[in-house]
PDB file of N, CA and C in Angstrom:
ATOM      1  N   MET A   1     -18.548 -18.820  31.861  1.00  0.00           N
ATOM      2  CA  MET A   1     -17.581 -18.048  32.336  1.00  0.00           C
ATOM      3  C   MET A   1     -18.600 -16.667  32.176  1.00  0.00           C
ATOM      4  N   SER A   2     -18.041 -15.906  33.223  1.00  0.00           N
ATOM      5  CA  SER A   2     -18.620 -15.166  33.450  1.00  0.00           C
ATOM      6  C   SER A   2     -18.222 -13.707  33.523  1.00  0.00           C
ATOM      7  N   THR A   3     -18.973 -12.832  33.310  1.00  0.00           N
ATOM      8  CA  THR A   3     -17.973 -11.252  32.577  1.00  0.00           C
ATOM      9  C   THR A   3     -17.911 -10.316  33.972  1.00  0.00           C
ATOM     10  N   PRO A   4     -16.422  -9.912  34.235  1.00  0.00           N
ATOM     11  CA  PRO A   4     -16.091  -8.733  35.278  1.00  0.00           C
ATOM     12  C   PRO A   4     -16.958  -7.823  35.859  1.00  0.00           C
ATOM     13  N   SER A   5     -17.150  -7.624  37.031  1.00  0.00           N
ATOM     14  CA  SER A   5     -17.783  -6.558  36.717  1.00  0.00           C
ATOM     15  C   SER A   5     -17.388  -4.811  36.060  1.00  0.00           C
ATOM     16  N   ASN A   6     -17.726  -4.684  35.792  1.00  0.00           N
ATOM     17  CA  ASN A   6     -17.374  -3.249  34.782  1.00  0.00           C
ATOM     18  C   ASN A   6     -17.307  -2.028  35.983  1.00  0.00           C
ATOM     19  N   THR A   7     -17.334  -2.285  37.068  1.00  0.00           N
ATOM     20  CA  THR A   7     -17.516  -0.598  38.150  1.00  0.00           C
ATOM     21  C   THR A   7     -15.975  -0.467  37.846  1.00  0.00           C
ATOM     22  N   ASP A   8     -16.348   1.146  37.753  1.00  0.00           N
ATOM     23  CA  ASP A   8     -14.931   2.200  37.956  1.00  0.00           C
ATOM     24  C   ASP A   8     -13.737   1.777  36.891  1.00  0.00           C
ATOM     25  N   TYR A   9     -14.155   1.296  35.301  1.00  0.00           N
ATOM     26  CA  TYR A   9     -13.462   1.045  34.558  1.00  0.00           C
ATOM     27  C   TYR A   9     -12.574   2.468  34.017  1.00  0.00           C
ATOM     28  N   ILE A  10     -11.525   1.795  33.625  1.00  0.00           N
ATOM     29  CA  ILE A  10     -10.357   2.936  33.955  1.00  0.00           C
ATOM     30  C   ILE A  10     -10.025   2.189  31.996  1.00  0.00           C
ATOM     31  N   PRO A  11     -10.810   3.373  31.035  1.00  0.00           N
ATOM     32  CA  PRO A  11     -10.257   3.564  29.656  1.00  0.00           C
ATOM     33  C   PRO A  11      -8.484   3.314  29.671  1.00  0.00           C
ATOM     34  N   ILE A  12      -7.652   1.807  29.185  1.00  0.00           N
ATOM     35  CA  ILE A  12      -6.389   2.098  28.106  1.00  0.00           C
ATOM     36  C   ILE A  12      -6.004   3.102  27.408  1.00  0.00           C
ATOM     37  N   ASN A  13      -4.674   3.167  27.206  1.00  0.00           N
ATOM     38  CA  ASN A  13      -4.049   3.587  26.502  1.00  0.00           C
ATOM     39  C   ASN A  13      -4.614   3.178  24.830  1.00  0.00           C
ATOM     40  N   CYS A  14      -5.326   4.025  23.853  1.00  0.00           N
ATOM     41  CA  CYS A  14      -5.251   3.973  23.021  1.00  0.00           C
ATOM     42  C   CYS A  14      -4.389   3.295  21.607  1.00  0.00           C
ATOM     43  N   THR A  15      -3.160   3.679  21.907  1.00  0.00           N
ATOM     44  CA  THR A  15      -2.100   2.737  21.001  1.00  0.00           C
ATOM     45  C   THR A  15      -2.157   1.012  21.674  1.00  0.00           C
ATOM     46  N   PHE A  16      -1.959   0.874  22.896  1.00  0.00           N
ATOM     47  CA  PHE A  16      -1.701   0.029  23.623  1.00  0.00           C
ATOM     48  C   PHE A  16      -3.220  -1.333  22.979  1.00  0.00           C
ATOM     49  N   HIS A  17      -4.280  -0.451  23.296  1.00  0.00           N
ATOM     50  CA  HIS A  17      -5.046  -1.149  22.648  1.00  0.00           C
ATOM     51  C   HIS A  17      -5.156  -1.578  21.318  1.00  0.00           C
ATOM     52  N   ASP A  18      -4.812  -0.950  20.448  1.00  0.00           N
ATOM     53  CA  ASP A  18      -4.486  -1.390  18.631  1.00  0.00           C
ATOM     54  C   ASP A  18      -3.949  -2.336  19.256  1.00  0.00           C
ATOM     55  N   ARG A  19      -2.239  -2.590  20.249  1.00  0.00           N
ATOM     56  CA  ARG A  19      -1.772  -3.418  19.946  1.00  0.00           C
ATOM     57  C   ARG A  19      -2.168  -5.123  20.356  1.00  0.00           C
ATOM     58  N   LEU A  20      -2.789  -5.158  21.203  1.00  0.00           N
ATOM     59  CA  LEU A  20      -3.792  -5.932  21.707  1.00  0.00           C
ATOM     60  C   LEU A  20      -4.495  -6.925  20.226  1.00  0.00           C
ATOM     61  N   GLU A  21      -5.395  -5.724  19.406  1.00  0.00           N
ATOM     62  CA  GLU A  21      -6.061  -6.496  18.549  1.00  0.00           C
ATOM     63  C   GLU A  21      -4.870  -6.961  17.029  1.00  0.00           C
ATOM     64  N   ASP A  22      -3.968  -6.070  17.173  1.00  0.00           N
ATOM     65  CA  ASP A  22      -2.649  -7.089  16.422  1.00  0.00           C
ATOM     66  C   ASP A  22      -2.213  -8.255  17.189  1.00  0.00           C
ATOM     67  N   TYR A  23      -2.623  -8.591  18.044  1.00  0.00           N
ATOM     68  CA  TYR A  23      -2.262  -9.921  18.976  1.00  0.00           C
ATOM     69  C   TYR A  23      -3.134 -10.835  18.629  1.00  0.00           C
ATOM     70  N   ALA A  24      -3.981 -10.329  18.407  1.00  0.00           N
ATOM     71  CA  ALA A  24      -5.369 -11.582  18.327  1.00  0.00           C
ATOM     72  C   ALA A  24      -5.222 -11.876  17.001  1.00  0.00           C
ATOM     73  N   VAL A  25      -5.445 -10.473  16.266  1.00  0.00           N
ATOM     74  CA  VAL A  25      -5.513 -11.539  14.588  1.00  0.00           C
ATOM     75  C   VAL A  25      -3.943 -12.327  14.175  1.00  0.00           C
ATOM     76  N   ARG A  26      -3.119 -12.176  14.933  1.00  0.00           N
ATOM     77  CA  ARG A  26      -1.872 -12.668  14.469  1.00  0.00           C
ATOM     78  C   ARG A  26      -1.685 -13.791  15.496  1.00  0.00           C
ATOM     79  N   GLY A  27      -2.563 -14.563  16.369  1.00  0.00           N
ATOM     80  CA  GLY A  27      -3.023 -15.575  17.211  1.00  0.00           C
ATOM     81  C   GLY A  27      -1.583 -16.084  17.901  1.00  0.00           C
ATOM     82  N   ALA A  28      -0.340 -15.316  17.616  1.00  0.00           N
ATOM     83  CA  ALA A  28       0.429 -16.207  18.465  1.00  0.00           C
ATOM     84  C   ALA A  28       0.539 -16.156  19.881  1.00  0.00           C
ATOM     85  N   LEU A  29       1.007 -17.079  20.589  1.00  0.00           N
ATOM     86  CA  LEU A  29       1.641 -17.254  22.166  1.00  0.00           C
ATOM     87  C   LEU A  29       2.377 -16.535  22.623  1.00  0.00           C
ATOM     88  N   ILE A  30       1.529 -15.961  23.681  1.00  0.00           N
ATOM     89  CA  ILE A  30       2.536 -14.553  24.065  1.00  0.00           C
ATOM     90  C   ILE A  30       2.664 -14.597  25.661  1.00  0.00           C
ATOM     91  N   PRO A  31       3.052 -13.944  26.085  1.00  0.00           N
ATOM     92  CA  PRO A  31       2.786 -13.708  27.905  1.00  0.00           C
ATOM     93  C   PRO A  31       2.728 -12.801  28.283  1.00  0.00           C
ATOM     94  N   VAL A  32       1.134 -12.939  29.428  1.00  0.00           N
ATOM     95  CA  VAL A  32       0.250 -11.545  29.028  1.00  0.00           C
ATOM     96  C   VAL A  32      -0.054 -11.534  30.996  1.00  0.00           C
ATOM     97  N   THR A  33       1.163 -10.645  31.346  1.00  0.00           N
ATOM     98  CA  THR A  33       0.722  -9.943  32.885  1.00  0.00           C
ATOM     99  C   THR A  33      -0.597  -9.685  33.493  1.00  0.00           C
ATOM    100  N   PHE A  34      -1.640  -9.892  34.110  1.00  0.00           N
ATOM    101  CA  PHE A  34      -2.477  -9.061  34.484  1.00  0.00           C
ATOM    102  C   PHE A  34      -2.669  -9.402  36.064  1.00  0.00           C
ATOM    103  N   ILE A  35      -4.158  -8.123  36.547  1.00  0.00           N
ATOM    104  CA  ILE A  35      -4.584  -8.659  37.598  1.00  0.00           C
ATOM    105  C   ILE A  35      -5.257  -9.219  37.902  1.00  0.00           C
ATOM    106  N   GLN A  36      -5.024 -10.738  39.153  1.00  0.00           N
ATOM    107  CA  GLN A  36      -6.333 -11.705  38.493  1.00  0.00           C
ATOM    108  C   GLN A  36      -6.561 -11.665  40.008  1.00  0.00           C
ATOM    109  N   ASP A  37      -7.770 -11.408  40.855  1.00  0.00           N
ATOM    110  CA  ASP A  37      -8.119 -11.862  42.436  1.00  0.00           C
ATOM    111  C   ASP A  37      -7.235 -11.129  43.026  1.00  0.00           C
ATOM    112  N   GLY A  38      -6.682  -9.665  42.764  1.00  0.00           N
ATOM    113  CA  GLY A  38      -5.550  -8.891  43.643  1.00  0.00           C
ATOM    114  C   GLY A  38      -4.420  -9.492  43.410  1.00  0.00           C
ATOM    115  N   VAL A  39      -3.982 -10.079  43.142  1.00  0.00           N
ATOM    116  CA  VAL A  39      -2.805 -11.326  42.355  1.00  0.00           C
ATOM    117  C   VAL A  39      -2.094 -10.521  40.709  1.00  0.00           C
ATOM    118  N   ALA A  40      -0.973 -10.234  40.673  1.00  0.00           N
ATOM    119  CA  ALA A  40      -0.960 -10.235  39.509  1.00  0.00           C
ATOM    120  C   ALA A  40      -0.028 -11.513  38.949  1.00  0.00           C
ATOM    121  N   VAL A  41      -0.836 -12.040  37.887  1.00  0.00           N
ATOM    122  CA  VAL A  41      -0.199 -13.500  37.220  1.00  0.00           C
ATOM    123  C   VAL A  41       0.182 -13.573  35.524  1.00  0.00           C
ATOM    124  N   THR A  42       0.954 -13.855  35.541  1.00  0.00           N
ATOM    125  CA  THR A  42       1.460 -14.328  34.116  1.00  0.00           C
ATOM    126  C   THR A  42       1.097 -15.530  33.139  1.00  0.00           C
ATOM    127  N   LYS A  43       0.713 -15.370  32.551  1.00  0.00           N
ATOM    128  CA  LYS A  43       0.788 -17.069  31.867  1.00  0.00           C
ATOM    129  C   LYS A  43       1.089 -16.824  30.415  1.00  0.00           C
ATOM    130  N   THR A  44       1.301 -17.709  29.611  1.00  0.00           N
ATOM    131  CA  THR A  44       1.005 -17.590  28.414  1.00  0.00           C
ATOM    132  C   THR A  44      -0.045 -18.243  27.401  1.00  0.00           C
ATOM    133  N   VAL A  45      -0.767 -17.049  26.729  1.00  0.00           N
ATOM    134  CA  VAL A  45      -1.991 -17.271  26.221  1.00  0.00           C
ATOM    135  C   VAL A  45      -1.717 -17.008  24.629  1.00  0.00           C
ATOM    136  N   ARG A  46      -3.251 -17.357  23.905  1.00  0.00           N
ATOM    137  CA  ARG A  46      -3.109 -16.753  22.433  1.00  0.00           C
ATOM    138  C   ARG A  46      -4.604 -15.349  23.121  1.00  0.00           C
ATOM    139  N   ILE A  47      -4.385 -14.058  22.500  1.00  0.00           N
ATOM    140  CA  ILE A  47      -5.900 -13.458  22.883  1.00  0.00           C
ATOM    141  C   ILE A  47      -6.362 -13.754  21.818  1.00  0.00           C
ATOM    142  N   ALA A  48      -7.357 -14.159  22.205  1.00  0.00           N
ATOM    143  CA  ALA A  48      -8.763 -14.637  21.176  1.00  0.00           C
ATOM    144  C   ALA A  48      -9.415 -13.743  20.744  1.00  0.00           C
ATOM    145  N   ASP A  49      -9.622 -12.880  22.178  1.00  0.00           N
ATOM    146  CA  ASP A  49     -10.504 -11.745  21.144  1.00  0.00           C
ATOM    147  C   ASP A  49     -10.781 -10.516  22.553  1.00  0.00           C
ATOM    148  N   VAL A  50     -10.535  -9.363  21.360  1.00  0.00           N
ATOM    149  CA  VAL A  50     -10.457  -7.631  22.279  1.00  0.00           C
ATOM    150  C   VAL A  50     -12.109  -6.987  22.188  1.00  0.00           C
ATOM    151  N   PHE A  51     -12.916  -6.688  23.113  1.00  0.00           N
ATOM    152  CA  PHE A  51     -14.145  -6.077  22.892  1.00  0.00           C
ATOM    153  C   PHE A  51     -14.511  -5.507  24.016  1.00  0.00           C
ATOM    154  N   ALA A  52     -16.084  -4.976  23.556  1.00  0.00           N
ATOM    155  CA  ALA A  52     -15.852  -3.999  24.309  1.00  0.00           C
ATOM    156  C   ALA A  52     -17.676  -4.475  25.145  1.00  0.00           C
ATOM    157  N   LYS A  53     -17.911  -4.299  26.469  1.00  0.00           N
ATOM    158  CA  LYS A  53     -19.465  -4.673  26.612  1.00  0.00           C
ATOM    159  C   LYS A  53     -19.627  -4.064  27.982  1.00  0.00           C
ATOM    160  N   GLY A  54     -21.058  -3.750  27.227  1.00  0.00           N
ATOM    161  CA  GLY A  54     -21.241  -2.430  28.653  1.00  0.00           C
ATOM    162  C   GLY A  54     -20.309  -1.493  28.531  1.00  0.00           C
ATOM    163  N   GLU A  55     -19.882  -0.993  29.960  1.00  0.00           N
ATOM    164  CA  GLU A  55     -19.116   0.257  29.542  1.00  0.00           C
ATOM    165  C   GLU A  55     -17.605   0.220  29.788  1.00  0.00           C
ATOM    166  N   ALA A  56     -16.931  -1.438  29.464  1.00  0.00           N
ATOM    167  CA  ALA A  56     -15.859  -1.524  29.755  1.00  0.00           C
ATOM    168  C   ALA A  56     -15.274  -2.719  28.601  1.00  0.00           C
ATOM    169  N   ASP A  57     -13.431  -2.714  28.264  1.00  0.00           N
ATOM    170  CA  ASP A  57     -13.010  -3.523  27.370  1.00  0.00           C
ATOM    171  C   ASP A  57     -12.289  -4.597  27.983  1.00  0.00           C
ATOM    172  N   TYR A  58     -12.564  -5.692  27.511  1.00  0.00           N
ATOM    173  CA  TYR A  58     -12.058  -7.382  27.333  1.00  0.00           C
ATOM    174  C   TYR A  58     -10.939  -7.754  26.596  1.00  0.00           C
ATOM    175  N   ALA A  59     -10.204  -8.515  27.138  1.00  0.00           N
ATOM    176  CA  ALA A  59      -9.791  -9.741  26.312  1.00  0.00           C
ATOM    177  C   ALA A  59     -10.291 -11.029  27.015  1.00  0.00           C
ATOM    178  N   LEU A  60     -10.264 -11.682  25.809  1.00  0.00           N
ATOM    179  CA  LEU A  60     -10.551 -13.087  26.296  1.00  0.00           C
ATOM    180  C   LEU A  60      -9.189 -13.703  25.571  1.00  0.00           C
ATOM    181  N   LEU A  61      -8.740 -14.633  26.699  1.00  0.00           N
ATOM    182  CA  LEU A  61      -7.329 -15.580  26.806  1.00  0.00           C
ATOM    183  C   LEU A  61      -8.079 -17.338  26.939  1.00  0.00           C
ATOM    184  N   LYS A  62      -6.716 -17.392  25.785  1.00  0.00           N
ATOM    185  CA  LYS A  62      -7.140 -19.140  25.499  1.00  0.00           C
ATOM    186  C   LYS A  62      -5.422 -19.300  25.924  1.00  0.00           C
ATOM    187  N   SER A  63      -5.114 -20.339  26.359  1.00  0.00           N
ATOM    188  CA  SER A  63      -4.352 -21.176  26.553  1.00  0.00           C
ATOM    189  C   SER A  63      -4.046 -22.307  25.850  1.00  0.00           C
ATOM    190  N   GLU A  64      -3.068 -22.795  25.839  1.00  0.00           N
ATOM    191  CA  GLU A  64      -2.628 -24.246  24.929  1.00  0.00           C
ATOM    192  C   GLU A  64      -3.421 -25.303  25.375  1.00  0.00           C
ATOM    193  N   GLN A  65      -4.218 -25.539  26.652  1.00  0.00           N
ATOM    194  CA  GLN A  65      -4.096 -26.358  27.377  1.00  0.00           C
ATOM    195  C   GLN A  65      -5.830 -26.233  27.817  1.00  0.00           C
ATOM    196  N   GLY A  66      -6.249 -24.740  26.850  1.00  0.00           N
ATOM    197  CA  GLY A  66      -7.522 -24.871  26.430  1.00  0.00           C
ATOM    198  C   GLY A  66      -8.301 -24.461  27.254  1.00  0.00           C
ATOM    199  N   THR A  67      -7.405 -23.871  28.580  1.00  0.00           N
ATOM    200  CA  THR A  67      -7.740 -22.959  29.795  1.00  0.00           C
ATOM    201  C   THR A  67      -8.811 -21.020  28.960  1.00  0.00           C
ATOM    202  N   GLU A  68      -9.175 -20.664  29.856  1.00  0.00           N
ATOM    203  CA  GLU A  68      -9.638 -19.349  29.196  1.00  0.00           C
ATOM    204  C   GLU A  68      -9.852 -17.986  30.384  1.00  0.00           C
ATOM    205  N   ASP A  69      -9.652 -17.492  30.131  1.00  0.00           N
ATOM    206  CA  ASP A  69      -9.757 -16.287  30.649  1.00  0.00           C
ATOM    207  C   ASP A  69     -10.431 -14.917  30.350  1.00  0.00           C
ATOM    208  N   LEU A  70     -10.730 -14.272  31.242  1.00  0.00           N
ATOM    209  CA  LEU A  70     -11.749 -13.519  30.462  1.00  0.00           C
ATOM    210  C   LEU A  70     -11.728 -12.063  31.541  1.00  0.00           C
ATOM    211  N   ILE A  71     -10.761 -10.811  30.613  1.00  0.00           N
ATOM    212  CA  ILE A  71     -10.499  -9.744  31.551  1.00  0.00           C
ATOM    213  C   ILE A  71     -10.750  -8.523  30.988  1.00  0.00           C
ATOM    214  N   ARG A  72     -11.069  -7.734  32.469  1.00  0.00           N
ATOM    215  CA  ARG A  72     -11.184  -6.352  32.128  1.00  0.00           C
ATOM    216  C   ARG A  72      -9.386  -5.959  31.615  1.00  0.00           C
ATOM    217  N   LEU A  73      -9.998  -4.952  30.405  1.00  0.00           N
ATOM    218  CA  LEU A  73      -8.223  -4.663  30.190  1.00  0.00           C
ATOM    219  C   LEU A  73      -7.504  -4.150  31.029  1.00  0.00           C
ATOM    220  N   ASP A  74      -7.928  -2.737  32.002  1.00  0.00           N
ATOM    221  CA  ASP A  74      -7.761  -1.534  32.768  1.00  0.00           C
ATOM    222  C   ASP A  74      -6.560  -2.940  33.766  1.00  0.00           C
ATOM    223  N   LYS A  75      -6.695  -3.935  33.768  1.00  0.00           N
ATOM    224  CA  LYS A  75      -6.306  -5.218  35.254  1.00  0.00           C
ATOM    225  C   LYS A  75      -5.159  -5.590  34.202  1.00  0.00           C
ATOM    226  N   LEU A  76      -4.870  -5.111  32.686  1.00  0.00           N
ATOM    227  CA  LEU A  76      -3.488  -6.069  32.413  1.00  0.00           C
ATOM    228  C   LEU A  76      -2.025  -5.131  32.671  1.00  0.00           C
ATOM    229  N   LEU A  77      -1.245  -5.988  33.006  1.00  0.00           N
ATOM    230  CA  LEU A  77      -0.459  -4.504  33.287  1.00  0.00           C
ATOM    231  C   LEU A  77       1.024  -5.282  32.213  1.00  0.00           C
ATOM    232  N   SER A  78       1.138  -6.571  31.642  1.00  0.00           N
ATOM    233  CA  SER A  78       2.176  -6.168  30.164  1.00  0.00           C
ATOM    234  C   SER A  78       1.212  -6.898  29.281  1.00  0.00           C
ATOM    235  N   VAL A  79       2.536  -7.046  28.255  1.00  0.00           N
ATOM    236  CA  VAL A  79       1.577  -8.491  27.231  1.00  0.00           C
ATOM    237  C   VAL A  79       2.854  -7.954  26.444  1.00  0.00           C
ATOM    238  N   ASN A  80       3.561  -9.459  26.666  1.00  0.00           N
ATOM    239  CA  ASN A  80       4.594  -9.969  25.411  1.00  0.00           C
ATOM    240  C   ASN A  80       5.992  -8.910  25.861  1.00  0.00           C
ATOM    241  N   GLY A  81       5.877  -8.067  26.894  1.00  0.00           N
ATOM    242  CA  GLY A  81       7.151  -7.636  27.336  1.00  0.00           C
ATOM    243  C   GLY A  81       6.733  -6.290  27.325  1.00  0.00           C
ATOM    244  N   PHE A  82       5.388  -5.574  26.745  1.00  0.00           N
ATOM    245  CA  PHE A  82       4.852  -4.467  26.548  1.00  0.00           C
ATOM    246  C   PHE A  82       4.400  -3.884  28.478  1.00  0.00           C
ATOM    247  N   GLU A  83       4.973  -3.263  28.927  1.00  0.00           N
ATOM    248  CA  GLU A  83       4.040  -2.390  30.262  1.00  0.00           C
ATOM    249  C   GLU A  83       3.124  -2.134  29.659  1.00  0.00           C
ATOM    250  N   MET A  84       1.969  -1.418  30.343  1.00  0.00           N
ATOM    251  CA  MET A  84       0.586  -1.446  30.353  1.00  0.00           C
ATOM    252  C   MET A  84       0.544   0.493  30.083  1.00  0.00           C
ATOM    253  N   PRO A  85       0.873   1.473  29.062  1.00  0.00           N
ATOM    254  CA  PRO A  85       1.686   2.698  29.307  1.00  0.00           C
ATOM    255  C   PRO A  85      -0.147   3.312  29.946  1.00  0.00           C
ATOM    256  N   VAL A  86      -0.022   4.670  30.758  1.00  0.00           N
ATOM    257  CA  VAL A  86      -1.021   5.971  31.536  1.00  0.00           C
ATOM    258  C   VAL A  86      -2.113   5.215  29.654  1.00  0.00           C
ATOM    259  N   ALA A  87      -3.075   5.716  30.562  1.00  0.00           N
ATOM    260  CA  ALA A  87      -4.383   5.973  29.741  1.00  0.00           C
ATOM    261  C   ALA A  87      -4.684   6.779  28.402  1.00  0.00           C
ATOM    262  N   CYS A  88      -5.024   6.944  27.876  1.00  0.00           N
ATOM    263  CA  CYS A  88      -4.855   7.857  26.427  1.00  0.00           C
ATOM    264  C   CYS A  88      -4.960   9.385  26.709  1.00  0.00           C
TER     265      CYS A  88
END
């Protein structure tokens, strides 16, 4: 799995970032909607990790079927019904 480009990364809202880390610790399956290849995609996943790499932040999403998605946090639209707020 390759790391998506961090070109023009826009930092996400700090409180929302904290929420993502909380979901990662809890390990619950939750719906996550994000932009993938220019299209909004919703998947039910566990947030396995939230981390910084280079100049961007990422989340590793894992499904029950064993698939993984590595997404830049500024590509998130909503997590567990909470829409992505405006940046910090």
